[in-house]
Structures are given as structure tokens and as C-alpha cells.
Amino acid sequence: MKKGFSVPSLAERWGGCSIDHVRNLIAMGELRAINIGTKTRKTWIVPADEVEAFEERRSNKQQPKTRQRLASVTPEREWV
């Protein structure tokens, strides 16, 4: 069992999302990570149990309802 994931490996695991997206999730506190770098040059490792919990939260989250597009109906014009 894997102990943790690097930011690039998580981006690849999640279907090629961007590395910046994963970093943003960490910065916003949605994804817990451990900095194994320095204060100025951060290197994040996300524990495997946190990845599983995050994926579980995301899969249970209700998908946003999108508005159904109405067929564009152009009213009949009366030409004078």
C-alpha cells in the first residue's frame, strides 16, 4: 500500500488534471498534505488515506444541476 502521493502523481491519477489544481486544493484546505520541502520551496506529499477520503467525499458530493438548454425558438416575424 502506498504511503503518499506527490502533487504530479495525484494530477495524473485524477485524469490528467493540472498540477496547479492539486496545489490549489491543498492551499484551500480541501486536501490535507505534508510539506517535506522548505518554507520557500514547498514539496507536498498527500497521505494515501487522505487521497482516499477526498475521493470518497467527491464521489458522494451531489453533482451540480446544470440548466437544461432550451431549444432556441425564434418567434415568427411579421414583415411589413
PDB file of N, CA and C in Angstrom:
ATOM      1  N   MET A   1       0.842  -1.185   0.000  1.00  0.00           N
ATOM      2  CA  MET A   1       0.000   0.000   0.000  1.00  0.00           C
ATOM      3  C   MET A   1       0.884   1.245   0.000  1.00  0.00           C
ATOM      4  N   LYS A   2       0.523   2.200  -0.823  1.00  0.00           N
ATOM      5  CA  LYS A   2       1.306   3.416  -0.956  1.00  0.00           C
ATOM      6  C   LYS A   2       1.067   4.333   0.247  1.00  0.00           C
ATOM      7  N   LYS A   3       2.140   4.954   0.738  1.00  0.00           N
ATOM      8  CA  LYS A   3       2.028   5.820   1.905  1.00  0.00           C
ATOM      9  C   LYS A   3       1.590   7.233   1.553  1.00  0.00           C
ATOM     10  N   GLY A   4       1.982   7.708   0.371  1.00  0.00           N
ATOM     11  CA  GLY A   4       1.621   9.063  -0.007  1.00  0.00           C
ATOM     12  C   GLY A   4       1.817   9.311  -1.488  1.00  0.00           C
ATOM     13  N   PHE A   5       1.266  10.432  -1.943  1.00  0.00           N
ATOM     14  CA  PHE A   5       1.326  10.801  -3.350  1.00  0.00           C
ATOM     15  C   PHE A   5       1.964  12.172  -3.491  1.00  0.00           C
ATOM     16  N   SER A   6       2.763  12.333  -4.512  1.00  0.00           N
ATOM     17  CA  SER A   6       3.273  13.658  -4.839  1.00  0.00           C
ATOM     18  C   SER A   6       2.184  14.406  -5.603  1.00  0.00           C
ATOM     19  N   VAL A   7       2.343  15.707  -5.718  1.00  0.00           N
ATOM     20  CA  VAL A   7       1.362  16.516  -6.440  1.00  0.00           C
ATOM     21  C   VAL A   7       1.251  16.072  -7.908  1.00  0.00           C
ATOM     22  N   PRO A   8       2.375  15.881  -8.633  1.00  0.00           N
ATOM     23  CA  PRO A   8       2.246  15.432 -10.028  1.00  0.00           C
ATOM     24  C   PRO A   8       1.591  14.047 -10.161  1.00  0.00           C
ATOM     25  N   SER A   9       1.876  13.143  -9.230  1.00  0.00           N
ATOM     26  CA  SER A   9       1.269  11.811  -9.350  1.00  0.00           C
ATOM     27  C   SER A   9      -0.232  11.866  -9.090  1.00  0.00           C
ATOM     28  N   LEU A  10      -0.676  12.781  -8.212  1.00  0.00           N
ATOM     29  CA  LEU A  10      -2.120  12.938  -7.994  1.00  0.00           C
ATOM     30  C   LEU A  10      -2.789  13.537  -9.219  1.00  0.00           C
ATOM     31  N   ALA A  11      -2.135  14.512  -9.837  1.00  0.00           N
ATOM     32  CA  ALA A  11      -2.703  15.116 -11.048  1.00  0.00           C
ATOM     33  C   ALA A  11      -2.887  14.051 -12.130  1.00  0.00           C
ATOM     34  N   GLU A  12      -1.924  13.166 -12.254  1.00  0.00           N
ATOM     35  CA  GLU A  12      -2.030  12.093 -13.237  1.00  0.00           C
ATOM     36  C   GLU A  12      -3.117  11.087 -12.835  1.00  0.00           C
ATOM     37  N   ARG A  13      -3.184  10.766 -11.557  1.00  0.00           N
ATOM     38  CA  ARG A  13      -4.183   9.809 -11.057  1.00  0.00           C
ATOM     39  C   ARG A  13      -5.604  10.315 -11.321  1.00  0.00           C
ATOM     40  N   TRP A  14      -5.794  11.607 -11.203  1.00  0.00           N
ATOM     41  CA  TRP A  14      -7.116  12.196 -11.375  1.00  0.00           C
ATOM     42  C   TRP A  14      -7.366  12.627 -12.811  1.00  0.00           C
ATOM     43  N   GLY A  15      -6.929  11.844 -13.725  1.00  0.00           N
ATOM     44  CA  GLY A  15      -7.273  12.049 -15.131  1.00  0.00           C
ATOM     45  C   GLY A  15      -6.541  13.184 -15.799  1.00  0.00           C
ATOM     46  N   GLY A  16      -5.342  13.445 -15.343  1.00  0.00           N
ATOM     47  CA  GLY A  16      -4.563  14.468 -16.016  1.00  0.00           C
ATOM     48  C   GLY A  16      -4.971  15.881 -15.680  1.00  0.00           C
ATOM     49  N   CYS A  17      -5.591  16.103 -14.500  1.00  0.00           N
ATOM     50  CA  CYS A  17      -5.876  17.485 -14.113  1.00  0.00           C
ATOM     51  C   CYS A  17      -4.543  18.197 -13.886  1.00  0.00           C
ATOM     52  N   SER A  18      -4.576  19.496 -13.781  1.00  0.00           N
ATOM     53  CA  SER A  18      -3.318  20.232 -13.684  1.00  0.00           C
ATOM     54  C   SER A  18      -2.702  20.123 -12.295  1.00  0.00           C
ATOM     55  N   ILE A  19      -1.390  20.269 -12.264  1.00  0.00           N
ATOM     56  CA  ILE A  19      -0.658  20.278 -11.004  1.00  0.00           C
ATOM     57  C   ILE A  19      -1.102  21.479 -10.177  1.00  0.00           C
ATOM     58  N   ASP A  20      -1.360  22.591 -10.841  1.00  0.00           N
ATOM     59  CA  ASP A  20      -1.833  23.791 -10.135  1.00  0.00           C
ATOM     60  C   ASP A  20      -3.168  23.544  -9.450  1.00  0.00           C
ATOM     61  N   HIS A  21      -4.026  22.750 -10.070  1.00  0.00           N
ATOM     62  CA  HIS A  21      -5.319  22.432  -9.466  1.00  0.00           C
ATOM     63  C   HIS A  21      -5.119  21.674  -8.147  1.00  0.00           C
ATOM     64  N   VAL A  22      -4.226  20.707  -8.148  1.00  0.00           N
ATOM     65  CA  VAL A  22      -3.949  19.949  -6.929  1.00  0.00           C
ATOM     66  C   VAL A  22      -3.357  20.874  -5.867  1.00  0.00           C
ATOM     67  N   ARG A  23      -2.440  21.737  -6.272  1.00  0.00           N
ATOM     68  CA  ARG A  23      -1.858  22.698  -5.314  1.00  0.00           C
ATOM     69  C   ARG A  23      -2.923  23.629  -4.753  1.00  0.00           C
ATOM     70  N   ASN A  24      -3.866  24.042  -5.586  1.00  0.00           N
ATOM     71  CA  ASN A  24      -4.958  24.905  -5.118  1.00  0.00           C
ATOM     72  C   ASN A  24      -5.830  24.181  -4.099  1.00  0.00           C
ATOM     73  N   LEU A  25      -6.090  22.905  -4.329  1.00  0.00           N
ATOM     74  CA  LEU A  25      -6.873  22.129  -3.361  1.00  0.00           C
ATOM     75  C   LEU A  25      -6.165  22.083  -2.012  1.00  0.00           C
ATOM     76  N   ILE A  26      -4.851  21.951  -2.040  1.00  0.00           N
ATOM     77  CA  ILE A  26      -4.067  21.944  -0.807  1.00  0.00           C
ATOM     78  C   ILE A  26      -4.130  23.321  -0.144  1.00  0.00           C
ATOM     79  N   ALA A  27      -3.940  24.369  -0.927  1.00  0.00           N
ATOM     80  CA  ALA A  27      -3.935  25.732  -0.393  1.00  0.00           C
ATOM     81  C   ALA A  27      -5.285  26.117   0.208  1.00  0.00           C
ATOM     82  N   MET A  28      -6.378  25.636  -0.397  1.00  0.00           N
ATOM     83  CA  MET A  28      -7.717  25.952   0.104  1.00  0.00           C
ATOM     84  C   MET A  28      -8.108  25.084   1.295  1.00  0.00           C
ATOM     85  N   GLY A  29      -7.293  24.080   1.605  1.00  0.00           N
ATOM     86  CA  GLY A  29      -7.591  23.222   2.743  1.00  0.00           C
ATOM     87  C   GLY A  29      -8.528  22.071   2.428  1.00  0.00           C
ATOM     88  N   GLU A  30      -8.841  21.870   1.164  1.00  0.00           N
ATOM     89  CA  GLU A  30      -9.712  20.766   0.785  1.00  0.00           C
ATOM     90  C   GLU A  30      -8.971  19.439   0.754  1.00  0.00           C
ATOM     91  N   LEU A  31      -7.651  19.511   0.668  1.00  0.00           N
ATOM     92  CA  LEU A  31      -6.817  18.319   0.592  1.00  0.00           C
ATOM     93  C   LEU A  31      -5.655  18.509   1.555  1.00  0.00           C
ATOM     94  N   ARG A  32      -5.565  17.628   2.538  1.00  0.00           N
ATOM     95  CA  ARG A  32      -4.513  17.722   3.555  1.00  0.00           C
ATOM     96  C   ARG A  32      -3.219  17.173   2.984  1.00  0.00           C
ATOM     97  N   ALA A  33      -2.137  17.892   3.196  1.00  0.00           N
ATOM     98  CA  ALA A  33      -0.837  17.480   2.664  1.00  0.00           C
ATOM     99  C   ALA A  33       0.259  17.847   3.654  1.00  0.00           C
ATOM    100  N   ILE A  34       1.389  17.207   3.503  1.00  0.00           N
ATOM    101  CA  ILE A  34       2.545  17.433   4.358  1.00  0.00           C
ATOM    102  C   ILE A  34       3.648  18.045   3.504  1.00  0.00           C
ATOM    103  N   ASN A  35       4.214  19.154   3.982  1.00  0.00           N
ATOM    104  CA  ASN A  35       5.310  19.808   3.268  1.00  0.00           C
ATOM    105  C   ASN A  35       6.618  19.137   3.682  1.00  0.00           C
ATOM    106  N   ILE A  36       7.276  18.481   2.735  1.00  0.00           N
ATOM    107  CA  ILE A  36       8.561  17.857   3.043  1.00  0.00           C
ATOM    108  C   ILE A  36       9.714  18.702   2.514  1.00  0.00           C
ATOM    109  N   GLY A  37       9.352  19.877   1.965  1.00  0.00           N
ATOM    110  CA  GLY A  37      10.369  20.797   1.458  1.00  0.00           C
ATOM    111  C   GLY A  37      10.679  21.861   2.496  1.00  0.00           C
ATOM    112  N   THR A  38      10.979  23.045   2.021  1.00  0.00           N
ATOM    113  CA  THR A  38      11.265  24.170   2.907  1.00  0.00           C
ATOM    114  C   THR A  38      10.101  25.146   2.867  1.00  0.00           C
ATOM    115  N   LYS A  39      10.192  26.207   3.658  1.00  0.00           N
ATOM    116  CA  LYS A  39       9.113  27.201   3.660  1.00  0.00           C
ATOM    117  C   LYS A  39       9.007  27.920   2.328  1.00  0.00           C
ATOM    118  N   THR A  40      10.142  28.146   1.704  1.00  0.00           N
ATOM    119  CA  THR A  40      10.125  28.884   0.443  1.00  0.00           C
ATOM    120  C   THR A  40       9.974  27.982  -0.781  1.00  0.00           C
ATOM    121  N   ARG A  41      10.369  26.739  -0.668  1.00  0.00           N
ATOM    122  CA  ARG A  41      10.253  25.801  -1.795  1.00  0.00           C
ATOM    123  C   ARG A  41       9.516  24.567  -1.300  1.00  0.00           C
ATOM    124  N   LYS A  42       8.197  24.648  -1.367  1.00  0.00           N
ATOM    125  CA  LYS A  42       7.360  23.587  -0.814  1.00  0.00           C
ATOM    126  C   LYS A  42       7.317  22.367  -1.723  1.00  0.00           C
ATOM    127  N   THR A  43       7.402  21.221  -1.111  1.00  0.00           N
ATOM    128  CA  THR A  43       7.224  19.951  -1.801  1.00  0.00           C
ATOM    129  C   THR A  43       6.182  19.175  -1.003  1.00  0.00           C
ATOM    130  N   TRP A  44       5.032  18.985  -1.601  1.00  0.00           N
ATOM    131  CA  TRP A  44       3.913  18.392  -0.885  1.00  0.00           C
ATOM    132  C   TRP A  44       3.823  16.893  -1.115  1.00  0.00           C
ATOM    133  N   ILE A  45       3.480  16.188  -0.042  1.00  0.00           N
ATOM    134  CA  ILE A  45       3.118  14.772  -0.103  1.00  0.00           C
ATOM    135  C   ILE A  45       1.737  14.649   0.518  1.00  0.00           C
ATOM    136  N   VAL A  46       0.829  14.020  -0.193  1.00  0.00           N
ATOM    137  CA  VAL A  46      -0.530  13.822   0.297  1.00  0.00           C
ATOM    138  C   VAL A  46      -0.651  12.370   0.754  1.00  0.00           C
ATOM    139  N   PRO A  47      -0.958  12.143   2.040  1.00  0.00           N
ATOM    140  CA  PRO A  47      -1.073  10.774   2.536  1.00  0.00           C
ATOM    141  C   PRO A  47      -2.148   9.993   1.770  1.00  0.00           C
ATOM    142  N   ALA A  48      -1.888   8.702   1.579  1.00  0.00           N
ATOM    143  CA  ALA A  48      -2.804   7.856   0.808  1.00  0.00           C
ATOM    144  C   ALA A  48      -4.197   7.826   1.426  1.00  0.00           C
ATOM    145  N   ASP A  49      -4.282   7.799   2.755  1.00  0.00           N
ATOM    146  CA  ASP A  49      -5.607   7.763   3.388  1.00  0.00           C
ATOM    147  C   ASP A  49      -6.369   9.067   3.153  1.00  0.00           C
ATOM    148  N   GLU A  50      -5.653  10.194   3.044  1.00  0.00           N
ATOM    149  CA  GLU A  50      -6.297  11.463   2.734  1.00  0.00           C
ATOM    150  C   GLU A  50      -6.811  11.481   1.295  1.00  0.00           C
ATOM    151  N   VAL A  51      -6.049  10.883   0.380  1.00  0.00           N
ATOM    152  CA  VAL A  51      -6.494  10.795  -1.022  1.00  0.00           C
ATOM    153  C   VAL A  51      -7.770   9.969  -1.109  1.00  0.00           C
ATOM    154  N   GLU A  52      -7.802   8.848  -0.418  1.00  0.00           N
ATOM    155  CA  GLU A  52      -8.999   8.001  -0.427  1.00  0.00           C
ATOM    156  C   GLU A  52     -10.195   8.732   0.172  1.00  0.00           C
ATOM    157  N   ALA A  53      -9.978   9.447   1.286  1.00  0.00           N
ATOM    158  CA  ALA A  53     -11.070  10.197   1.912  1.00  0.00           C
ATOM    159  C   ALA A  53     -11.560  11.316   0.995  1.00  0.00           C
ATOM    160  N   PHE A  54     -10.643  12.015   0.349  1.00  0.00           N
ATOM    161  CA  PHE A  54     -11.004  13.092  -0.571  1.00  0.00           C
ATOM    162  C   PHE A  54     -11.811  12.548  -1.746  1.00  0.00           C
ATOM    163  N   GLU A  55     -11.347  11.449  -2.328  1.00  0.00           N
ATOM    164  CA  GLU A  55     -12.060  10.855  -3.458  1.00  0.00           C
ATOM    165  C   GLU A  55     -13.445  10.379  -3.034  1.00  0.00           C
ATOM    166  N   GLU A  56     -13.561   9.870  -1.822  1.00  0.00           N
ATOM    167  CA  GLU A  56     -14.863   9.433  -1.304  1.00  0.00           C
ATOM    168  C   GLU A  56     -15.791  10.634  -1.123  1.00  0.00           C
ATOM    169  N   ARG A  57     -15.258  11.721  -0.578  1.00  0.00           N
ATOM    170  CA  ARG A  57     -16.076  12.936  -0.403  1.00  0.00           C
ATOM    171  C   ARG A  57     -16.547  13.452  -1.749  1.00  0.00           C
ATOM    172  N   ARG A  58     -15.662  13.448  -2.725  1.00  0.00           N
ATOM    173  CA  ARG A  58     -16.013  13.947  -4.053  1.00  0.00           C
ATOM    174  C   ARG A  58     -17.023  13.049  -4.762  1.00  0.00           C
ATOM    175  N   SER A  59     -16.903  11.740  -4.565  1.00  0.00           N
ATOM    176  CA  SER A  59     -17.828  10.843  -5.256  1.00  0.00           C
ATOM    177  C   SER A  59     -19.221  10.902  -4.632  1.00  0.00           C
ATOM    178  N   ASN A  60     -19.299  11.215  -3.345  1.00  0.00           N
ATOM    179  CA  ASN A  60     -20.597  11.310  -2.674  1.00  0.00           C
ATOM    180  C   ASN A  60     -21.234  12.677  -2.822  1.00  0.00           C
ATOM    181  N   LYS A  61     -20.438  13.656  -3.241  1.00  0.00           N
ATOM    182  CA  LYS A  61     -20.935  15.009  -3.400  1.00  0.00           C
ATOM    183  C   LYS A  61     -21.921  15.038  -4.552  1.00  0.00           C
ATOM    184  N   GLN A  62     -23.063  15.658  -4.290  1.00  0.00           N
ATOM    185  CA  GLN A  62     -24.080  15.728  -5.329  1.00  0.00           C
ATOM    186  C   GLN A  62     -23.569  16.579  -6.477  1.00  0.00           C
ATOM    187  N   GLN A  63     -23.700  16.061  -7.657  1.00  0.00           N
ATOM    188  CA  GLN A  63     -23.255  16.788  -8.839  1.00  0.00           C
ATOM    189  C   GLN A  63     -24.135  18.018  -9.028  1.00  0.00           C
ATOM    190  N   PRO A  64     -23.537  19.140  -9.396  1.00  0.00           N
ATOM    191  CA  PRO A  64     -24.342  20.344  -9.594  1.00  0.00           C
ATOM    192  C   PRO A  64     -25.319  20.146 -10.743  1.00  0.00           C
ATOM    193  N   LYS A  65     -26.501  20.660 -10.532  1.00  0.00           N
ATOM    194  CA  LYS A  65     -27.508  20.546 -11.578  1.00  0.00           C
ATOM    195  C   LYS A  65     -27.285  21.663 -12.569  1.00  0.00           C
ATOM    196  N   THR A  66     -27.180  21.293 -13.812  1.00  0.00           N
ATOM    197  CA  THR A  66     -26.991  22.297 -14.848  1.00  0.00           C
ATOM    198  C   THR A  66     -28.337  22.605 -15.475  1.00  0.00           C
ATOM    199  N   ARG A  67     -28.451  23.808 -15.903  1.00  0.00           N
ATOM    200  CA  ARG A  67     -29.696  24.175 -16.567  1.00  0.00           C
ATOM    201  C   ARG A  67     -29.783  23.471 -17.901  1.00  0.00           C
ATOM    202  N   GLN A  68     -30.961  22.985 -18.172  1.00  0.00           N
ATOM    203  CA  GLN A  68     -31.153  22.369 -19.478  1.00  0.00           C
ATOM    204  C   GLN A  68     -31.325  23.485 -20.488  1.00  0.00           C
ATOM    205  N   ARG A  69     -30.644  23.327 -21.560  1.00  0.00           N
ATOM    206  CA  ARG A  69     -30.759  24.348 -22.597  1.00  0.00           C
ATOM    207  C   ARG A  69     -32.095  24.198 -23.309  1.00  0.00           C
ATOM    208  N   LEU A  70     -32.734  25.295 -23.438  1.00  0.00           N
ATOM    209  CA  LEU A  70     -33.984  25.296 -24.179  1.00  0.00           C
ATOM    210  C   LEU A  70     -33.655  25.417 -25.652  1.00  0.00           C
ATOM    211  N   ALA A  71     -34.419  24.752 -26.430  1.00  0.00           N
ATOM    212  CA  ALA A  71     -34.206  24.873 -27.871  1.00  0.00           C
ATOM    213  C   ALA A  71     -34.437  26.329 -28.248  1.00  0.00           C
ATOM    214  N   SER A  72     -33.508  26.851 -28.984  1.00  0.00           N
ATOM    215  CA  SER A  72     -33.665  28.262 -29.341  1.00  0.00           C
ATOM    216  C   SER A  72     -34.794  28.388 -30.347  1.00  0.00           C
ATOM    217  N   VAL A  73     -35.824  29.015 -29.890  1.00  0.00           N
ATOM    218  CA  VAL A  73     -37.009  29.195 -30.723  1.00  0.00           C
ATOM    219  C   VAL A  73     -37.080  30.660 -31.119  1.00  0.00           C
ATOM    220  N   THR A  74     -37.025  30.894 -32.368  1.00  0.00           N
ATOM    221  CA  THR A  74     -37.146  32.269 -32.858  1.00  0.00           C
ATOM    222  C   THR A  74     -38.594  32.510 -33.213  1.00  0.00           C
ATOM    223  N   PRO A  75     -39.206  33.503 -32.582  1.00  0.00           N
ATOM    224  CA  PRO A  75     -40.609  33.754 -32.902  1.00  0.00           C
ATOM    225  C   PRO A  75     -40.768  34.187 -34.348  1.00  0.00           C
ATOM    226  N   GLU A  76     -41.878  33.819 -34.890  1.00  0.00           N
ATOM    227  CA  GLU A  76     -42.172  34.208 -36.280  1.00  0.00           C
ATOM    228  C   GLU A  76     -42.259  35.724 -36.356  1.00  0.00           C
ATOM    229  N   ARG A  77     -41.591  36.270 -37.345  1.00  0.00           N
ATOM    230  CA  ARG A  77     -41.624  37.718 -37.517  1.00  0.00           C
ATOM    231  C   ARG A  77     -42.640  38.064 -38.586  1.00  0.00           C
ATOM    232  N   GLU A  78     -43.284  39.144 -38.340  1.00  0.00           N
ATOM    233  CA  GLU A  78     -44.195  39.643 -39.357  1.00  0.00           C
ATOM    234  C   GLU A  78     -43.477  40.762 -40.089  1.00  0.00           C
ATOM    235  N   TRP A  79     -43.280  40.561 -41.346  1.00  0.00           N
ATOM    236  CA  TRP A  79     -42.634  41.581 -42.150  1.00  0.00           C
ATOM    237  C   TRP A  79     -43.691  42.489 -42.725  1.00  0.00           C
ATOM    238  N   VAL A  80     -43.449  43.758 -42.587  1.00  0.00           N
ATOM    239  CA  VAL A  80     -44.426  44.732 -43.073  1.00  0.00           C
ATOM    240  C   VAL A  80     -43.979  45.289 -44.386  1.00  0.00           C
TER     241      VAL A  80
END
